Amino acid sequence: MEKDTELLSKVSQIFLKNGAKTVTMDEIARELRVSKKTLYEKYQNKDILLEEVLSYSLEKVLEKLNDLDETIENAIERMFARDTEIEKASRTNDSIFLRQLLKYYPQIFNKHMLYFSGKLSEILMHNVERGRSQGLYRKDFDAYFYSKLFFQMTMSYDNTPYLDNQEISRSRYQEEALLFYMNAITTEKGKEVMRGLEIKKL
């Protein structure tokens, strides 16, 4: 059987395309061209496999986010930097995968989102520290609390009754959430940088 990372990458694509509940272990084995016995020896059931896929996928996103931190010095430019793989994953979230996770696997979803939220908070707080040292961010707000608010805001698209998903697309919502957050934390110098970036709509 192929390396775990290769397998999990392929299974993640299967889940994204077909949904978390819809696809069966038999179908996964068939797609991977491995025997059901081999798959079940490695992952006893679909819940375990789903947990591994979520862990793998979220770690890949965190890795990309940390890579951007290392390559982009300006704190504001970093926040508006785009990574093609992350954008692809974000667009794919419009599929049934996320909706089925929320509906049928809430414990698994919440467990991994809690972990991801903590890691994302660390990344955002590091960005705030950098932005403050560059004179781009205000110093009179709680970076940890704001990071949690930002995460809650970006994650609420799929599980709130107050948004019409037909009227407001996910990409538009995420773009506006980021602008809302950035306008709340930037100094006048930071806002000048934002204007200079000529931020394009998604």
C-alpha atoms as a PDB file:
ATOM      1  CA  MET A   1       0.000   0.000   0.000  1.00  0.00           C
ATOM      2  CA  GLU A   2       1.274   3.493  -0.838  1.00  0.00           C
ATOM      3  CA  LYS A   3       2.634   5.945   1.703  1.00  0.00           C
ATOM      4  CA  ASP A   4       0.062   7.336   4.132  1.00  0.00           C
ATOM      5  CA  THR A   5       0.418  10.910   2.859  1.00  0.00           C
ATOM      6  CA  GLU A   6      -0.260   9.864  -0.726  1.00  0.00           C
ATOM      7  CA  LEU A   7      -3.196   7.740   0.319  1.00  0.00           C
ATOM      8  CA  LEU A   8      -4.700  10.450   2.537  1.00  0.00           C
ATOM      9  CA  SER A   9      -4.283  13.001  -0.233  1.00  0.00           C
ATOM     10  CA  LYS A  10      -6.227  10.787  -2.623  1.00  0.00           C
ATOM     11  CA  VAL A  11      -8.907   9.968  -0.063  1.00  0.00           C
ATOM     12  CA  SER A  12      -9.345  13.659   0.742  1.00  0.00           C
ATOM     13  CA  GLN A  13     -10.131  14.285  -2.923  1.00  0.00           C
ATOM     14  CA  ILE A  14     -12.660  11.449  -2.870  1.00  0.00           C
ATOM     15  CA  PHE A  15     -14.373  12.934   0.196  1.00  0.00           C
ATOM     16  CA  LEU A  16     -14.366  16.435  -1.290  1.00  0.00           C
ATOM     17  CA  LYS A  17     -15.924  15.197  -4.496  1.00  0.00           C
ATOM     18  CA  ASN A  18     -18.487  12.780  -3.067  1.00  0.00           C
ATOM     19  CA  GLY A  19     -19.082  13.856   0.526  1.00  0.00           C
ATOM     20  CA  ALA A  20     -18.147  12.453   3.928  1.00  0.00           C
ATOM     21  CA  LYS A  21     -21.257  10.334   4.462  1.00  0.00           C
ATOM     22  CA  THR A  22     -22.065   9.363   0.889  1.00  0.00           C
ATOM     23  CA  VAL A  23     -18.860   7.530   0.024  1.00  0.00           C
ATOM     24  CA  THR A  24     -18.281   4.044   1.463  1.00  0.00           C
ATOM     25  CA  MET A  25     -15.095   2.231   2.429  1.00  0.00           C
ATOM     26  CA  ASP A  26     -15.719  -0.198  -0.433  1.00  0.00           C
ATOM     27  CA  GLU A  27     -15.854   2.690  -2.896  1.00  0.00           C
ATOM     28  CA  ILE A  28     -12.683   4.179  -1.428  1.00  0.00           C
ATOM     29  CA  ALA A  29     -10.852   0.859  -1.794  1.00  0.00           C
ATOM     30  CA  ARG A  30     -12.028   0.616  -5.379  1.00  0.00           C
ATOM     31  CA  GLU A  31     -10.912   4.184  -6.171  1.00  0.00           C
ATOM     32  CA  LEU A  32      -7.511   3.532  -4.591  1.00  0.00           C
ATOM     33  CA  ARG A  33      -7.221   0.178  -6.350  1.00  0.00           C
ATOM     34  CA  VAL A  34      -6.484  -1.666  -3.138  1.00  0.00           C
ATOM     35  CA  SER A  35      -8.313  -4.563  -1.554  1.00  0.00           C
ATOM     36  CA  LYS A  36     -10.944  -3.888   1.090  1.00  0.00           C
ATOM     37  CA  LYS A  37      -8.964  -6.099   3.464  1.00  0.00           C
ATOM     38  CA  THR A  38      -5.847  -3.961   3.032  1.00  0.00           C
ATOM     39  CA  LEU A  39      -7.788  -0.749   3.629  1.00  0.00           C
ATOM     40  CA  TYR A  40      -9.563  -2.108   6.709  1.00  0.00           C
ATOM     41  CA  GLU A  41      -6.280  -3.398   8.154  1.00  0.00           C
ATOM     42  CA  LYS A  42      -4.970   0.150   8.115  1.00  0.00           C
ATOM     43  CA  TYR A  43      -8.185   1.989   8.996  1.00  0.00           C
ATOM     44  CA  GLN A  44     -10.737  -0.044  10.950  1.00  0.00           C
ATOM     45  CA  ASN A  45     -13.692   2.097   9.885  1.00  0.00           C
ATOM     46  CA  LYS A  46     -14.597   5.213   7.948  1.00  0.00           C
ATOM     47  CA  ASP A  47     -14.667   7.450  11.025  1.00  0.00           C
ATOM     48  CA  ILE A  48     -11.016   6.670  11.723  1.00  0.00           C
ATOM     49  CA  LEU A  49     -10.100   7.277   8.087  1.00  0.00           C
ATOM     50  CA  LEU A  50     -12.063  10.537   8.081  1.00  0.00           C
ATOM     51  CA  GLU A  51     -10.196  11.731  11.174  1.00  0.00           C
ATOM     52  CA  GLU A  52      -6.870  10.952   9.524  1.00  0.00           C
ATOM     53  CA  VAL A  53      -7.912  12.775   6.351  1.00  0.00           C
ATOM     54  CA  LEU A  54      -8.972  15.866   8.304  1.00  0.00           C
ATOM     55  CA  SER A  55      -5.724  15.879  10.285  1.00  0.00           C
ATOM     56  CA  TYR A  56      -3.692  15.552   7.102  1.00  0.00           C
ATOM     57  CA  SER A  57      -5.648  18.238   5.228  1.00  0.00           C
ATOM     58  CA  LEU A  58      -5.541  20.774   8.058  1.00  0.00           C
ATOM     59  CA  GLU A  59      -1.823  20.224   8.615  1.00  0.00           C
ATOM     60  CA  LYS A  60      -1.234  20.896   4.913  1.00  0.00           C
ATOM     61  CA  VAL A  61      -3.113  24.191   5.200  1.00  0.00           C
ATOM     62  CA  LEU A  62      -1.154  25.176   8.320  1.00  0.00           C
ATOM     63  CA  GLU A  63       2.096  24.301   6.567  1.00  0.00           C
ATOM     64  CA  LYS A  64       1.180  26.590   3.662  1.00  0.00           C
ATOM     65  CA  LEU A  65       0.202  29.400   6.025  1.00  0.00           C
ATOM     66  CA  ASN A  66       3.514  29.117   7.876  1.00  0.00           C
ATOM     67  CA  ASP A  67       5.392  29.103   4.562  1.00  0.00           C
ATOM     68  CA  LEU A  68       3.717  32.399   3.639  1.00  0.00           C
ATOM     69  CA  ASP A  69       4.760  33.819   7.026  1.00  0.00           C
ATOM     70  CA  GLU A  70       8.381  33.022   6.256  1.00  0.00           C
ATOM     71  CA  THR A  71       8.402  34.445   2.736  1.00  0.00           C
ATOM     72  CA  ILE A  72       6.387  37.677   3.157  1.00  0.00           C
ATOM     73  CA  GLU A  73       7.777  40.260   5.577  1.00  0.00           C
ATOM     74  CA  ASN A  74       5.062  42.929   5.454  1.00  0.00           C
ATOM     75  CA  ALA A  75       2.286  41.899   7.855  1.00  0.00           C
ATOM     76  CA  ILE A  76      -0.553  43.303   5.738  1.00  0.00           C
ATOM     77  CA  GLU A  77       0.749  41.918   2.459  1.00  0.00           C
ATOM     78  CA  ARG A  78       0.973  38.572   4.243  1.00  0.00           C
ATOM     79  CA  MET A  79      -2.703  38.675   5.227  1.00  0.00           C
ATOM     80  CA  PHE A  80      -3.782  39.304   1.642  1.00  0.00           C
ATOM     81  CA  ALA A  81      -1.353  36.824   0.100  1.00  0.00           C
ATOM     82  CA  ARG A  82      -2.979  34.046  -1.859  1.00  0.00           C
ATOM     83  CA  ASP A  83      -1.913  30.427  -1.965  1.00  0.00           C
ATOM     84  CA  THR A  84      -3.344  28.450  -4.873  1.00  0.00           C
ATOM     85  CA  GLU A  85      -3.780  25.233  -2.894  1.00  0.00           C
ATOM     86  CA  ILE A  86      -5.555  26.986  -0.030  1.00  0.00           C
ATOM     87  CA  GLU A  87      -7.805  28.824  -2.477  1.00  0.00           C
ATOM     88  CA  LYS A  88      -8.628  25.543  -4.202  1.00  0.00           C
ATOM     89  CA  ALA A  89      -9.526  23.949  -0.875  1.00  0.00           C
ATOM     90  CA  SER A  90     -11.653  26.953   0.025  1.00  0.00           C
ATOM     91  CA  ARG A  91     -13.576  26.787  -3.235  1.00  0.00           C
ATOM     92  CA  THR A  92     -14.066  23.047  -2.826  1.00  0.00           C
ATOM     93  CA  ASN A  93     -15.691  23.642   0.549  1.00  0.00           C
ATOM     94  CA  ASP A  94     -18.788  24.666  -1.400  1.00  0.00           C
ATOM     95  CA  SER A  95     -19.212  20.933  -2.019  1.00  0.00           C
ATOM     96  CA  ILE A  96     -21.295  18.588   0.082  1.00  0.00           C
ATOM     97  CA  PHE A  97     -18.222  17.551   2.093  1.00  0.00           C
ATOM     98  CA  LEU A  98     -18.348  20.331   4.676  1.00  0.00           C
ATOM     99  CA  ARG A  99     -22.123  20.236   4.975  1.00  0.00           C
ATOM    100  CA  GLN A 100     -22.060  16.500   5.627  1.00  0.00           C
ATOM    101  CA  LEU A 101     -19.276  16.873   8.185  1.00  0.00           C
ATOM    102  CA  LEU A 102     -21.341  19.421  10.095  1.00  0.00           C
ATOM    103  CA  LYS A 103     -24.511  17.332   9.919  1.00  0.00           C
ATOM    104  CA  TYR A 104     -23.334  13.752  10.319  1.00  0.00           C
ATOM    105  CA  TYR A 105     -19.919  13.994  12.005  1.00  0.00           C
ATOM    106  CA  PRO A 106     -20.178  17.025  14.345  1.00  0.00           C
ATOM    107  CA  GLN A 107     -17.903  15.558  17.035  1.00  0.00           C
ATOM    108  CA  ILE A 108     -15.121  14.804  14.565  1.00  0.00           C
ATOM    109  CA  PHE A 109     -15.551  18.180  12.869  1.00  0.00           C
ATOM    110  CA  ASN A 110     -15.575  20.159  16.137  1.00  0.00           C
ATOM    111  CA  LYS A 111     -12.550  18.300  17.496  1.00  0.00           C
ATOM    112  CA  HIS A 112     -10.430  19.142  14.475  1.00  0.00           C
ATOM    113  CA  MET A 113     -11.736  22.695  14.144  1.00  0.00           C
ATOM    114  CA  LEU A 114     -10.850  23.351  17.789  1.00  0.00           C
ATOM    115  CA  TYR A 115      -7.289  22.234  17.084  1.00  0.00           C
ATOM    116  CA  PHE A 116      -7.145  24.228  13.846  1.00  0.00           C
ATOM    117  CA  SER A 117      -8.551  27.302  15.583  1.00  0.00           C
ATOM    118  CA  GLY A 118      -5.754  27.169  18.156  1.00  0.00           C
ATOM    119  CA  LYS A 119      -3.049  26.877  15.502  1.00  0.00           C
ATOM    120  CA  LEU A 120      -4.596  29.614  13.381  1.00  0.00           C
ATOM    121  CA  SER A 121      -4.752  31.882  16.434  1.00  0.00           C
ATOM    122  CA  GLU A 122      -1.006  31.414  16.900  1.00  0.00           C
ATOM    123  CA  ILE A 123      -0.396  32.386  13.269  1.00  0.00           C
ATOM    124  CA  LEU A 124      -2.663  35.434  13.492  1.00  0.00           C
ATOM    125  CA  MET A 125      -1.129  36.585  16.782  1.00  0.00           C
ATOM    126  CA  HIS A 126       2.334  36.302  15.259  1.00  0.00           C
ATOM    127  CA  ASN A 127       1.103  38.419  12.360  1.00  0.00           C
ATOM    128  CA  VAL A 128      -0.292  41.007  14.790  1.00  0.00           C
ATOM    129  CA  GLU A 129       3.018  41.145  16.653  1.00  0.00           C
ATOM    130  CA  ARG A 130       4.842  41.726  13.369  1.00  0.00           C
ATOM    131  CA  GLY A 131       2.314  44.302  12.197  1.00  0.00           C
ATOM    132  CA  ARG A 132       2.562  46.254  15.423  1.00  0.00           C
ATOM    133  CA  SER A 133       6.348  46.336  15.199  1.00  0.00           C
ATOM    134  CA  GLN A 134       5.955  47.703  11.659  1.00  0.00           C
ATOM    135  CA  GLY A 135       3.510  50.373  12.826  1.00  0.00           C
ATOM    136  CA  LEU A 136       0.720  48.872  10.730  1.00  0.00           C
ATOM    137  CA  TYR A 137      -1.569  47.526  13.469  1.00  0.00           C
ATOM    138  CA  ARG A 138      -3.134  49.171  16.487  1.00  0.00           C
ATOM    139  CA  LYS A 139      -1.876  48.196  19.918  1.00  0.00           C
ATOM    140  CA  ASP A 140      -5.129  48.676  21.831  1.00  0.00           C
ATOM    141  CA  PHE A 141      -6.850  45.359  21.097  1.00  0.00           C
ATOM    142  CA  ASP A 142      -6.565  41.788  22.367  1.00  0.00           C
ATOM    143  CA  ALA A 143      -4.853  39.850  19.569  1.00  0.00           C
ATOM    144  CA  TYR A 144      -5.947  36.466  20.919  1.00  0.00           C
ATOM    145  CA  PHE A 145      -9.591  37.488  21.261  1.00  0.00           C
ATOM    146  CA  TYR A 146      -9.633  39.075  17.802  1.00  0.00           C
ATOM    147  CA  SER A 147      -8.107  35.933  16.282  1.00  0.00           C
ATOM    148  CA  LYS A 148     -10.954  33.871  17.743  1.00  0.00           C
ATOM    149  CA  LEU A 149     -13.543  36.358  16.474  1.00  0.00           C
ATOM    150  CA  PHE A 150     -12.013  36.203  13.004  1.00  0.00           C
ATOM    151  CA  PHE A 151     -12.045  32.405  12.976  1.00  0.00           C
ATOM    152  CA  GLN A 152     -15.649  32.308  14.183  1.00  0.00           C
ATOM    153  CA  MET A 153     -16.655  34.806  11.527  1.00  0.00           C
ATOM    154  CA  THR A 154     -14.989  32.946   8.662  1.00  0.00           C
ATOM    155  CA  MET A 155     -16.352  29.571   9.781  1.00  0.00           C
ATOM    156  CA  SER A 156     -19.952  30.715  10.220  1.00  0.00           C
ATOM    157  CA  TYR A 157     -20.823  30.736   6.515  1.00  0.00           C
ATOM    158  CA  ASP A 158     -22.191  27.182   6.494  1.00  0.00           C
ATOM    159  CA  ASN A 159     -23.917  27.005   9.863  1.00  0.00           C
ATOM    160  CA  THR A 160     -25.906  30.191  10.281  1.00  0.00           C
ATOM    161  CA  PRO A 161     -29.543  30.791   9.306  1.00  0.00           C
ATOM    162  CA  TYR A 162     -28.850  34.488   8.743  1.00  0.00           C
ATOM    163  CA  LEU A 163     -27.010  34.190   5.431  1.00  0.00           C
ATOM    164  CA  ASP A 164     -28.498  33.454   2.044  1.00  0.00           C
ATOM    165  CA  ASN A 165     -25.835  31.293   0.394  1.00  0.00           C
ATOM    166  CA  GLN A 166     -27.496  31.865  -2.962  1.00  0.00           C
ATOM    167  CA  GLU A 167     -27.120  35.611  -2.595  1.00  0.00           C
ATOM    168  CA  ILE A 168     -23.669  35.774  -0.996  1.00  0.00           C
ATOM    169  CA  SER A 169     -20.959  33.432  -2.282  1.00  0.00           C
ATOM    170  CA  ARG A 170     -18.387  31.861   0.016  1.00  0.00           C
ATOM    171  CA  SER A 171     -15.527  33.721  -1.670  1.00  0.00           C
ATOM    172  CA  ARG A 172     -17.317  37.072  -1.311  1.00  0.00           C
ATOM    173  CA  TYR A 173     -18.127  36.342   2.326  1.00  0.00           C
ATOM    174  CA  GLN A 174     -14.540  35.375   3.170  1.00  0.00           C
ATOM    175  CA  GLU A 175     -13.171  38.407   1.370  1.00  0.00           C
ATOM    176  CA  GLU A 176     -15.457  40.767   3.268  1.00  0.00           C
ATOM    177  CA  ALA A 177     -14.683  39.026   6.580  1.00  0.00           C
ATOM    178  CA  LEU A 178     -10.964  39.570   5.993  1.00  0.00           C
ATOM    179  CA  LEU A 179     -11.492  43.224   5.053  1.00  0.00           C
ATOM    180  CA  PHE A 180     -13.662  43.709   8.137  1.00  0.00           C
ATOM    181  CA  TYR A 181     -10.937  42.234  10.357  1.00  0.00           C
ATOM    182  CA  MET A 182      -8.120  44.171   8.712  1.00  0.00           C
ATOM    183  CA  ASN A 183      -9.953  47.499   8.845  1.00  0.00           C
ATOM    184  CA  ALA A 184     -10.575  46.896  12.547  1.00  0.00           C
ATOM    185  CA  ILE A 185      -6.919  46.342  13.470  1.00  0.00           C
ATOM    186  CA  THR A 186      -4.932  48.621  11.137  1.00  0.00           C
ATOM    187  CA  THR A 187      -3.476  52.032  11.913  1.00  0.00           C
ATOM    188  CA  GLU A 188      -3.716  54.843   9.377  1.00  0.00           C
ATOM    189  CA  LYS A 189      -0.306  53.741   8.090  1.00  0.00           C
ATOM    190  CA  GLY A 190      -1.683  50.232   7.706  1.00  0.00           C
ATOM    191  CA  LYS A 191      -4.731  51.475   5.841  1.00  0.00           C
ATOM    192  CA  GLU A 192      -2.430  53.302   3.417  1.00  0.00           C
ATOM    193  CA  VAL A 193      -0.669  49.991   2.743  1.00  0.00           C
ATOM    194  CA  MET A 194      -4.036  48.335   2.105  1.00  0.00           C
ATOM    195  CA  ARG A 195      -5.016  51.063  -0.348  1.00  0.00           C
ATOM    196  CA  GLY A 196      -1.674  50.660  -2.082  1.00  0.00           C
ATOM    197  CA  LEU A 197      -2.258  46.950  -2.572  1.00  0.00           C
ATOM    198  CA  GLU A 198      -5.276  47.699  -4.769  1.00  0.00           C
ATOM    199  CA  ILE A 199      -6.985  44.631  -3.380  1.00  0.00           C
ATOM    200  CA  LYS A 200      -8.961  42.865  -6.072  1.00  0.00           C
ATOM    201  CA  LYS A 201     -12.266  41.185  -5.479  1.00  0.00           C
ATOM    202  CA  LEU A 202     -12.128  37.400  -5.530  1.00  0.00           C
END
